[in-house]
Amino acid sequence: MFFGFICLLAICGCSHDSISKILKNGDVEYRLRMAEKFFATKKYAKAQLLYEGLFPLLKNDPRFEDLYYKYAYCAYYQQDYLNAENLYKGFLEVFPKSQRASEVDFMRAYCFYKQSPRVELDQTPTQKAIGFLQAHLNNYPESPKSEEAIRLIGDCYRKMEAKEWNSAQLYYNLGSYRAAAIAFTNLLNHYPQSENADQYKLMIIKAYYEYAQMSVEQKQEERFGKVVEEYYDFADRFPESKLLKEAERYFQYSQKFLKTIKNESSNQKS
């Protein structure tokens, strides 16, 4: 739970000597006053170091809750979200009935949100953020942070959606059309209410069309039939889409191929 003593001393820079003197001072009240002063003036690294030294001395003191609360915020304000999350978790374990519990619970979830990486990276932290933000809404339905939590959850889902889109598009760009069609289908299933849902459906049609074109002759009838099937689903689900005409072109191309295939098959039989 506690941060490295030596590292924090280094952060204090030119104030090393003064901080050392405060830490060596046997007057606990003086050390606490100085920690509060540093916190109030946003000198969080110094306040953090002093709070840490006071932890074992004030554990049974009524002021310990406030100390713990500010200590966690010292990490947060320094953008050390991993340690801040651990400290917020610890606060809730020690003070589950605190009047600050709702706030701290949200801040813990927010720390996961702040650790969410760029779209192209693994989104496991983003999934965790969604889970903790949703848990906050469930545990504190009257939370003043409810609207913000909902907004942050939306941000997380959009990031995860963008991650899936990039992966599916990459398959398509590399010519792995069957994999692209499956990836776009999964994307649409995961985010059926997305504002881009009709675009995902169009990409499914395009991917299956390209897959059918490059297939061996014996498989083309089945695979162009899949394009037709996906088009009908598109037209049914998105009748007002601006992309409908483009989807229809692939439908018409596929119908033409199917007609040609059937004619050739009939000629061979005759």
Protein backbone atom coordinates (compact mmCIF):
# COMPACT_ATOMS: atom_id res chain seq x y z
CA MET A 1 0.00 0.00 0.00
CA PHE A 2 2.77 2.45 0.83
CA PHE A 3 5.05 4.04 -1.75
CA GLY A 4 8.80 3.78 -1.84
CA PHE A 5 10.30 6.03 0.79
CA ILE A 6 13.47 6.74 -1.17
CA CYS A 7 11.60 7.53 -4.42
CA LEU A 8 9.37 10.03 -2.69
CA LEU A 9 12.32 11.71 -1.06
CA ALA A 10 13.83 12.12 -4.49
CA ILE A 11 10.61 13.74 -5.74
CA CYS A 12 10.94 16.38 -3.06
CA GLY A 13 14.10 17.60 -4.82
CA CYS A 14 15.67 20.65 -3.26
CA SER A 15 13.36 20.38 -0.23
CA HIS A 16 14.98 17.11 0.80
CA ASP A 17 16.54 18.57 3.94
CA SER A 18 13.38 20.33 5.12
CA ILE A 19 11.24 17.23 4.60
CA SER A 20 13.81 15.13 6.42
CA LYS A 21 13.70 17.52 9.37
CA ILE A 22 9.90 17.33 9.49
CA LEU A 23 10.00 13.54 9.36
CA LYS A 24 12.53 13.41 12.20
CA ASN A 25 10.48 15.76 14.34
CA GLY A 26 8.90 13.85 17.18
CA ASP A 27 5.87 16.14 17.30
CA VAL A 28 3.15 14.19 15.49
CA GLU A 29 0.79 17.17 15.49
CA TYR A 30 3.41 19.33 13.80
CA ARG A 31 4.03 16.70 11.14
CA LEU A 32 0.30 16.40 10.50
CA ARG A 33 -0.07 20.18 10.21
CA MET A 34 2.74 20.28 7.68
CA ALA A 35 1.20 17.42 5.69
CA GLU A 36 -2.12 19.30 5.62
CA LYS A 37 -0.35 22.47 4.55
CA PHE A 38 1.40 20.70 1.67
CA PHE A 39 -1.85 19.04 0.61
CA ALA A 40 -3.73 22.35 0.68
CA THR A 41 -1.04 24.00 -1.46
CA LYS A 42 -1.06 21.07 -3.93
CA LYS A 43 2.44 19.90 -3.05
CA TYR A 44 1.21 16.33 -3.18
CA ALA A 45 4.55 14.52 -3.26
CA LYS A 46 5.57 16.15 0.01
CA ALA A 47 2.17 15.63 1.60
CA GLN A 48 2.23 12.00 0.48
CA LEU A 49 5.54 11.37 2.19
CA LEU A 50 4.40 12.92 5.45
CA TYR A 51 1.05 11.11 5.44
CA GLU A 52 2.85 7.85 4.86
CA GLY A 53 5.03 8.41 7.92
CA LEU A 54 1.94 9.18 9.99
CA PHE A 55 0.02 6.04 9.01
CA PRO A 56 1.29 3.76 11.80
CA LEU A 57 1.08 6.58 14.35
CA LEU A 58 -2.54 7.61 13.74
CA LYS A 59 -4.26 4.32 12.93
CA ASN A 60 -6.39 4.50 16.07
CA ASP A 61 -6.94 8.24 15.83
CA PRO A 62 -10.31 9.67 14.71
CA ARG A 63 -8.41 11.69 12.10
CA PHE A 64 -7.09 8.56 10.41
CA GLU A 65 -10.00 8.43 7.95
CA ASP A 66 -9.26 11.93 6.70
CA LEU A 67 -5.55 11.15 6.51
CA TYR A 68 -6.20 7.97 4.47
CA TYR A 69 -8.59 9.86 2.19
CA LYS A 70 -6.07 12.60 1.41
CA TYR A 71 -3.23 10.12 1.07
CA ALA A 72 -5.14 8.34 -1.69
CA TYR A 73 -5.79 11.64 -3.43
CA CYS A 74 -2.07 12.45 -3.30
CA ALA A 75 -1.45 9.47 -5.57
CA TYR A 76 -4.39 10.40 -7.81
CA TYR A 77 -3.30 14.02 -8.25
CA GLN A 78 0.15 12.82 -9.25
CA GLN A 79 -1.49 10.63 -11.92
CA ASP A 80 -0.29 7.48 -10.21
CA TYR A 81 -3.60 5.78 -10.97
CA LEU A 82 -2.50 2.23 -10.19
CA ASN A 83 -1.51 3.09 -6.63
CA ALA A 84 -4.43 5.48 -6.21
CA GLU A 85 -6.84 2.67 -7.12
CA ASN A 86 -5.23 0.39 -4.52
CA LEU A 87 -5.47 3.11 -1.89
CA TYR A 88 -9.13 3.84 -2.66
CA LYS A 89 -9.79 0.12 -2.39
CA GLY A 90 -8.02 0.04 0.98
CA PHE A 91 -10.02 3.03 2.20
CA LEU A 92 -13.30 1.28 1.39
CA GLU A 93 -12.16 -1.86 3.19
CA VAL A 94 -11.21 0.09 6.32
CA PHE A 95 -14.13 2.55 6.24
CA PRO A 96 -17.00 0.80 4.42
CA LYS A 97 -19.63 2.99 6.11
CA SER A 98 -17.84 6.28 5.61
CA GLN A 99 -19.83 9.23 4.30
CA ARG A 100 -17.14 9.41 1.64
CA ALA A 101 -17.66 5.80 0.51
CA SER A 102 -19.66 6.70 -2.60
CA GLU A 103 -17.12 9.28 -3.69
CA VAL A 104 -14.18 6.97 -3.08
CA ASP A 105 -15.90 4.09 -4.85
CA PHE A 106 -16.36 6.28 -7.91
CA MET A 107 -12.76 7.45 -7.75
CA ARG A 108 -11.57 3.86 -7.67
CA ALA A 109 -13.58 3.14 -10.82
CA TYR A 110 -12.32 6.36 -12.37
CA CYS A 111 -8.72 5.27 -11.79
CA PHE A 112 -9.42 2.18 -13.92
CA TYR A 113 -10.88 4.48 -16.57
CA LYS A 114 -7.73 6.63 -16.49
CA GLN A 115 -5.60 3.51 -17.02
CA SER A 116 -7.53 2.62 -20.19
CA PRO A 117 -4.93 2.48 -23.01
CA ARG A 118 -4.95 3.68 -26.61
CA VAL A 119 -7.43 1.99 -28.95
CA GLU A 120 -4.81 -0.19 -30.64
CA LEU A 121 -3.67 -1.75 -27.34
CA ASP A 122 -5.21 -4.50 -25.21
CA GLN A 123 -8.47 -3.23 -23.74
CA THR A 124 -8.60 -5.36 -20.59
CA PRO A 125 -8.26 -2.25 -18.37
CA THR A 126 -11.14 -0.68 -20.29
CA GLN A 127 -13.30 -3.72 -19.58
CA LYS A 128 -12.38 -3.45 -15.90
CA ALA A 129 -13.34 0.22 -15.93
CA ILE A 130 -16.77 -0.65 -17.31
CA GLY A 131 -17.24 -3.28 -14.61
CA PHE A 132 -16.30 -0.97 -11.74
CA LEU A 133 -18.28 1.98 -13.10
CA GLN A 134 -21.34 -0.22 -13.50
CA ALA A 135 -20.83 -1.59 -9.99
CA HIS A 136 -20.74 1.98 -8.69
CA LEU A 137 -24.10 2.68 -10.34
CA ASN A 138 -25.53 -0.51 -8.85
CA ASN A 139 -24.14 0.08 -5.35
CA TYR A 140 -24.90 3.80 -5.21
CA PRO A 141 -27.99 4.45 -7.38
CA GLU A 142 -28.32 7.96 -5.88
CA SER A 143 -24.66 8.81 -6.47
CA PRO A 144 -24.03 12.40 -7.60
CA LYS A 145 -21.55 10.85 -10.04
CA SER A 146 -24.17 8.69 -11.77
CA GLU A 147 -24.37 10.78 -14.94
CA GLU A 148 -20.60 10.96 -15.22
CA ALA A 149 -20.29 7.21 -14.66
CA ILE A 150 -22.78 6.56 -17.47
CA ARG A 151 -20.85 8.90 -19.77
CA LEU A 152 -17.56 7.18 -18.96
CA ILE A 153 -19.07 3.75 -19.61
CA GLY A 154 -20.16 5.05 -23.02
CA ASP A 155 -16.62 6.25 -23.71
CA CYS A 156 -15.25 2.83 -22.80
CA TYR A 157 -17.67 1.00 -25.06
CA ARG A 158 -16.83 3.32 -27.96
CA LYS A 159 -13.14 2.61 -27.47
CA MET A 160 -13.72 -1.14 -27.42
CA GLU A 161 -15.94 -0.85 -30.48
CA ALA A 162 -13.21 1.07 -32.31
CA LYS A 163 -10.72 -1.65 -31.34
CA GLU A 164 -12.96 -4.34 -32.89
CA TRP A 165 -13.55 -2.22 -35.98
CA ASN A 166 -9.81 -1.81 -36.55
CA SER A 167 -9.25 -5.55 -36.22
CA ALA A 168 -12.06 -6.41 -38.65
CA GLN A 169 -10.92 -3.78 -41.13
CA LEU A 170 -7.39 -5.13 -40.98
CA TYR A 171 -8.63 -8.59 -41.98
CA TYR A 172 -10.46 -7.01 -44.91
CA ASN A 173 -7.44 -4.94 -46.00
CA LEU A 174 -5.23 -8.03 -45.90
CA GLY A 175 -7.64 -9.94 -48.12
CA SER A 176 -8.74 -12.35 -45.38
CA TYR A 177 -12.35 -11.87 -46.39
CA ARG A 178 -13.98 -14.75 -44.54
CA ALA A 179 -12.24 -13.72 -41.32
CA ALA A 180 -13.28 -10.12 -41.99
CA ALA A 181 -16.92 -11.13 -42.49
CA ILE A 182 -16.92 -13.05 -39.22
CA ALA A 183 -15.19 -10.19 -37.39
CA PHE A 184 -17.67 -7.61 -38.68
CA THR A 185 -20.55 -9.94 -37.77
CA ASN A 186 -19.22 -10.20 -34.22
CA LEU A 187 -18.79 -6.45 -34.11
CA LEU A 188 -22.39 -5.91 -35.16
CA ASN A 189 -23.61 -8.47 -32.64
CA HIS A 190 -21.65 -6.79 -29.86
CA TYR A 191 -22.85 -3.28 -30.75
CA PRO A 192 -26.24 -3.66 -32.51
CA GLN A 193 -27.33 -0.15 -31.47
CA SER A 194 -24.16 1.54 -32.74
CA GLU A 195 -24.56 4.55 -35.00
CA ASN A 196 -22.25 2.65 -37.37
CA ALA A 197 -24.29 -0.56 -37.37
CA ASP A 198 -25.33 -0.22 -41.03
CA GLN A 199 -21.69 0.30 -42.01
CA TYR A 200 -20.71 -2.88 -40.21
CA LYS A 201 -23.47 -4.74 -42.07
CA LEU A 202 -22.29 -3.33 -45.39
CA MET A 203 -18.77 -4.55 -44.64
CA ILE A 204 -20.15 -8.03 -43.95
CA ILE A 205 -21.76 -7.99 -47.41
CA LYS A 206 -18.61 -6.71 -49.10
CA ALA A 207 -16.40 -9.24 -47.31
CA TYR A 208 -18.63 -12.17 -48.24
CA TYR A 209 -18.82 -10.89 -51.84
CA GLU A 210 -15.03 -10.73 -52.14
CA TYR A 211 -14.78 -14.15 -50.50
CA ALA A 212 -17.25 -15.59 -53.02
CA GLN A 213 -15.41 -14.06 -55.96
CA MET A 214 -12.11 -15.64 -55.01
CA SER A 215 -13.67 -19.04 -54.21
CA VAL A 216 -13.38 -22.14 -56.35
CA GLU A 217 -16.24 -22.59 -58.79
CA GLN A 218 -17.86 -25.40 -56.79
CA LYS A 219 -18.26 -23.09 -53.76
CA GLN A 220 -19.38 -19.91 -55.50
CA GLU A 221 -23.09 -20.60 -55.66
CA GLU A 222 -23.28 -21.13 -51.93
CA ARG A 223 -21.12 -18.13 -51.15
CA PHE A 224 -22.82 -15.66 -53.48
CA GLY A 225 -26.04 -16.93 -51.94
CA LYS A 226 -24.66 -15.81 -48.58
CA VAL A 227 -24.18 -12.29 -49.98
CA VAL A 228 -27.82 -12.25 -51.10
CA GLU A 229 -28.92 -13.45 -47.66
CA GLU A 230 -26.93 -10.73 -45.91
CA TYR A 231 -28.34 -8.09 -48.26
CA TYR A 232 -31.93 -9.04 -47.42
CA ASP A 233 -31.06 -8.79 -43.74
CA PHE A 234 -29.50 -5.36 -44.37
CA ALA A 235 -32.60 -4.10 -46.19
CA ASP A 236 -34.83 -5.41 -43.41
CA ARG A 237 -32.81 -3.91 -40.57
CA PHE A 238 -31.72 -0.63 -42.17
CA PRO A 239 -34.38 0.34 -44.74
CA GLU A 240 -33.56 4.06 -44.38
CA SER A 241 -29.78 3.70 -44.49
CA LYS A 242 -27.80 5.89 -46.87
CA LEU A 243 -25.68 2.79 -47.54
CA LEU A 244 -28.59 0.75 -48.85
CA LYS A 245 -27.86 1.56 -52.51
CA GLU A 246 -24.26 0.43 -52.16
CA ALA A 247 -25.40 -2.79 -50.49
CA GLU A 248 -27.86 -3.29 -53.33
CA ARG A 249 -25.06 -3.16 -55.90
CA TYR A 250 -23.38 -6.15 -54.27
CA PHE A 251 -26.74 -7.88 -54.20
CA GLN A 252 -27.20 -7.29 -57.93
CA TYR A 253 -23.64 -8.42 -58.72
CA SER A 254 -24.25 -11.59 -56.73
CA GLN A 255 -27.60 -12.23 -58.41
CA LYS A 256 -25.87 -11.87 -61.76
CA PHE A 257 -23.17 -14.36 -60.79
CA LEU A 258 -25.78 -16.80 -59.48
CA LYS A 259 -27.73 -16.56 -62.72
CA THR A 260 -24.57 -17.20 -64.74
CA ILE A 261 -23.66 -20.17 -62.56
CA LYS A 262 -27.14 -21.68 -62.95
CA ASN A 263 -27.11 -21.20 -66.72
CA GLU A 264 -23.72 -22.86 -67.02
CA SER A 265 -24.93 -25.70 -64.85
CA SER A 266 -28.02 -26.14 -67.02
CA ASN A 267 -25.97 -26.12 -70.22
CA GLN A 268 -23.65 -28.77 -68.87
CA LYS A 269 -26.57 -31.03 -67.95
CA SER A 270 -28.15 -30.62 -71.39
